[in-house]
Amino acid sequence: MKNILIDDRWSGSGGIGTFAEEINKITNYKSAGFTGKPFSPVDCIKTSLKMLKMRDGIVFFPGYIPPLFSRIPFVFTIHDLNHLERPENSSLLKKIFYKVVIKRGCRKAKYIFTVSEFSRQKIIQWSGVPAEKDVNVGNGVSNDFRPNGQKKDFGYPYYLCVSNRKSHKNEVGTIQAFARADIPKNVKLVFTGKKTDELATLIEINELTDRVVFTGFVKTEELPELYRGAEGLIFVSFYEGFGLPVIEAMASGIPVITSKTTSLGEVAGDAALVVDPENIQQIATAISKLHSDIELKTQLISKGSKQVGKYSWSATAELVNKYLTSS
C-alpha cells in the first residue's frame, strides 16, 4: 500500500476545509505534518523544505498552493481560478503568484484535482497541462443534510443565502432582488455570517432593515437545520468552482434559485430555478415565482432530491484514492 500523506490544515476553511475533512473521514490518510497557515503565500516554501526530508510516498494537498520542489510525488487541488478571473478578488501579486508558483505546480504535480467540469476546462486552458492530468473528482454532500430532522424556527418564514461577504457572491444583487420580489412583507432574507457597513447601508436604502437578518458565524453542525427551516436557497454568485450550498440545500429538501453561469448551472442541472446573476429583475421574478407557485416548489424539491444523488463524498474519495494510489 502506497504511503499517502495529507495536508490536514484546512479544517474550518470553507469549501476547501469541507472537501479535505469529508474525504479524509473516509480515507484516513496520515498527516503530512505541515504547520502554519496553508493559504499563506510563503507556505509553498515551508512545505518544500519539509518534503525534502521525505523519502517515499505521495502527498495530497486538498488546497491550491503546491510546494516549489519535492523529492516525492504530490497532487494538489485547484477548486477554481476565482483569484484570476474575478477582478474584485484579483491583484497583480496574486496574478504573479499564480503564474510563478501555481502554474509551475501544475507542471510538477502528478495530477491536479478539481471539483467541476467548468473548473477543469478553465485550468487546462490556463495551465497548458495535458487534459488527462487534470481530474474532476467532484464534491459530495454530508449525510447530515437531509429533509428529515429539526428545522430552524426564527418565528418567521425566510429565504437563506449561505455566503461570506466576498463580492463575487453577489450579495448586493441578492438584496436588491429581494427588495423587488413580490412576496409578503413578513418573509425575511437570512444571510450566514456578519453584516458589513456596506450591506447595512444597502439594506437601509432598500427599506429592508426589518427583513434582512445576519446569523453571525454558523457552526457546520448547525447548518442542516438552517437549510431545512428555509423556504428556499438564494445562491446567485457571479462565480463558483462548484457551489456546495446548492447540493446541501437540495439534500435538505428545499428548492434552489441559483446562477446559470460558471459551475452552478452544471451542478444544479434542471433541479433549480437558474438565473442570470447580473439581472436583478430576473432574480426578483424567480423569488416571486418560487414563493407563489407551490407546484413548482414541489417539483424542484423532487428534482433536487434526484440531482443530489449524483454527488457523494464516497465517490469523490474513491476517485481521489484511485489516482493517488496509481501515482
Foldseek 3Di string as FASTA:
>chain_A
DFQEAEQQQCCPVPPLNQLSVLLCVPVVHHHLPQDDDPPDLCSLDRVAVSQQPDDGGEYEYSAQFHHQDHPYAYEYEDAAVCQPPPPLNHDPVNVVSCVPGRLSCCVRHQAYEYAFVLRLVVCCVVSVDDSVRYYHLHAAEDPLQAQDDAADCPPFAEEEEEDDPRVQQLVLLVLLLQLVAPDDLRYAYEYEADDDPVVCVSCVVSVCNVRYYYDHHDDPSRPNNHLNRHQEYEGEGNEGSADVVLLSNLRNQWAYEYACDRNVCVLCPPLHNHDHSVDSNRSSHRVNCSVPPPVNGNSSSVVSNVSSVVHHSVSSSVVVVVSSVVD
